[in-house]
Amino acid sequence: MTGVEEILRGLTSVRDTGYAIDDEEDQLSTRAIAAPILRPDGTPFGGISIVGPTFEASIADLREFAGELVKAARRLEAALAAA
């Protein structure tokens, strides 16, 4: 992502789905899926991700993990809120 509009669309997608996919945007031959971990006030605390080489991790493979990854992020948010 390079343009402001493209970045804003990407952020909207992350808010809607709860996760983001990196398709070799950060590092060649690598794909990742990540979910944010938010503080109780909604500000970012960190994130949780799964990363793999492109020959092992297709976009479809990563999307299969999306639900469980987002659930794990929500569990971590709950633990953060309880701390």
Protein backbone atom coordinates (compact mmCIF):
# COMPACT_ATOMS: atom_id res chain seq x y z
CA MET A 1 0.00 0.00 0.00
CA THR A 2 1.42 3.32 -0.97
CA GLY A 3 -1.34 5.90 -1.42
CA VAL A 4 -3.34 7.53 1.35
CA GLU A 5 -6.67 6.32 -0.06
CA GLU A 6 -5.38 2.77 -0.35
CA ILE A 7 -4.14 2.84 3.24
CA LEU A 8 -7.47 4.22 4.49
CA ARG A 9 -9.36 1.45 2.62
CA GLY A 10 -7.03 -1.10 4.20
CA LEU A 11 -7.68 0.29 7.69
CA THR A 12 -11.44 0.19 7.08
CA SER A 13 -11.12 -3.45 6.03
CA VAL A 14 -9.19 -4.28 9.23
CA ARG A 15 -11.87 -2.61 11.34
CA ASP A 16 -14.60 -4.52 9.51
CA THR A 17 -12.96 -7.97 9.51
CA GLY A 18 -10.80 -7.76 12.62
CA TYR A 19 -7.64 -8.80 10.77
CA ALA A 20 -5.18 -7.77 8.05
CA ILE A 21 -3.32 -9.83 5.48
CA ASP A 22 0.19 -8.98 4.31
CA ASP A 23 0.83 -10.47 0.87
CA GLU A 24 4.56 -9.89 0.42
CA GLU A 25 4.09 -6.19 1.22
CA ASP A 26 6.62 -6.20 4.06
CA GLN A 27 8.99 -8.92 2.88
CA LEU A 28 9.22 -10.80 -0.40
CA SER A 29 8.23 -14.48 -0.30
CA THR A 30 6.38 -14.01 3.00
CA ARG A 31 2.68 -13.74 3.83
CA ALA A 32 1.08 -12.96 7.16
CA ILE A 33 -2.24 -12.47 8.85
CA ALA A 34 -2.54 -10.30 11.95
CA ALA A 35 -5.19 -9.10 14.37
CA PRO A 36 -4.87 -6.06 16.61
CA ILE A 37 -5.00 -6.26 20.39
CA LEU A 38 -6.78 -3.18 21.71
CA ARG A 39 -6.85 -1.61 25.16
CA PRO A 40 -10.27 -1.16 26.80
CA ASP A 41 -10.37 2.43 25.45
CA GLY A 42 -9.93 1.13 21.89
CA THR A 43 -6.35 2.28 21.42
CA PRO A 44 -3.80 -0.21 20.09
CA PHE A 45 -1.78 -2.25 22.58
CA GLY A 46 -0.17 -4.74 20.17
CA GLY A 47 -1.01 -7.49 17.76
CA ILE A 48 -0.92 -11.21 17.14
CA SER A 49 0.11 -12.73 13.82
CA ILE A 50 0.85 -15.85 11.83
CA VAL A 51 3.66 -15.59 9.27
CA GLY A 52 4.82 -18.07 6.66
CA PRO A 53 6.59 -18.38 3.33
CA THR A 54 4.45 -17.84 0.25
CA PHE A 55 5.01 -21.42 -0.94
CA GLU A 56 3.43 -22.69 2.31
CA ALA A 57 0.89 -19.98 3.13
CA SER A 58 -1.64 -19.08 0.47
CA ILE A 59 -4.10 -16.25 1.03
CA ALA A 60 -6.83 -18.90 1.37
CA ASP A 61 -4.77 -20.73 3.98
CA LEU A 62 -4.35 -17.54 6.00
CA ARG A 63 -8.06 -16.73 5.80
CA GLU A 64 -8.81 -20.17 7.26
CA PHE A 65 -6.99 -19.03 10.43
CA ALA A 66 -8.70 -15.63 10.59
CA GLY A 67 -11.53 -16.59 12.94
CA GLU A 68 -9.27 -18.30 15.47
CA LEU A 69 -6.69 -15.51 15.27
CA VAL A 70 -9.32 -12.84 15.96
CA LYS A 71 -10.70 -14.94 18.85
CA ALA A 72 -7.20 -15.17 20.34
CA ALA A 73 -6.78 -11.39 20.04
CA ARG A 74 -10.12 -10.85 21.84
CA ARG A 75 -9.04 -13.24 24.63
CA LEU A 76 -5.82 -11.27 25.04
CA GLU A 77 -7.83 -8.03 25.14
CA ALA A 78 -9.98 -9.48 27.92
CA ALA A 79 -6.87 -10.48 29.87
CA LEU A 80 -5.42 -7.01 29.37
CA ALA A 81 -8.63 -5.41 30.62
CA ALA A 82 -8.64 -7.65 33.70
CA ALA A 83 -5.01 -6.87 34.59
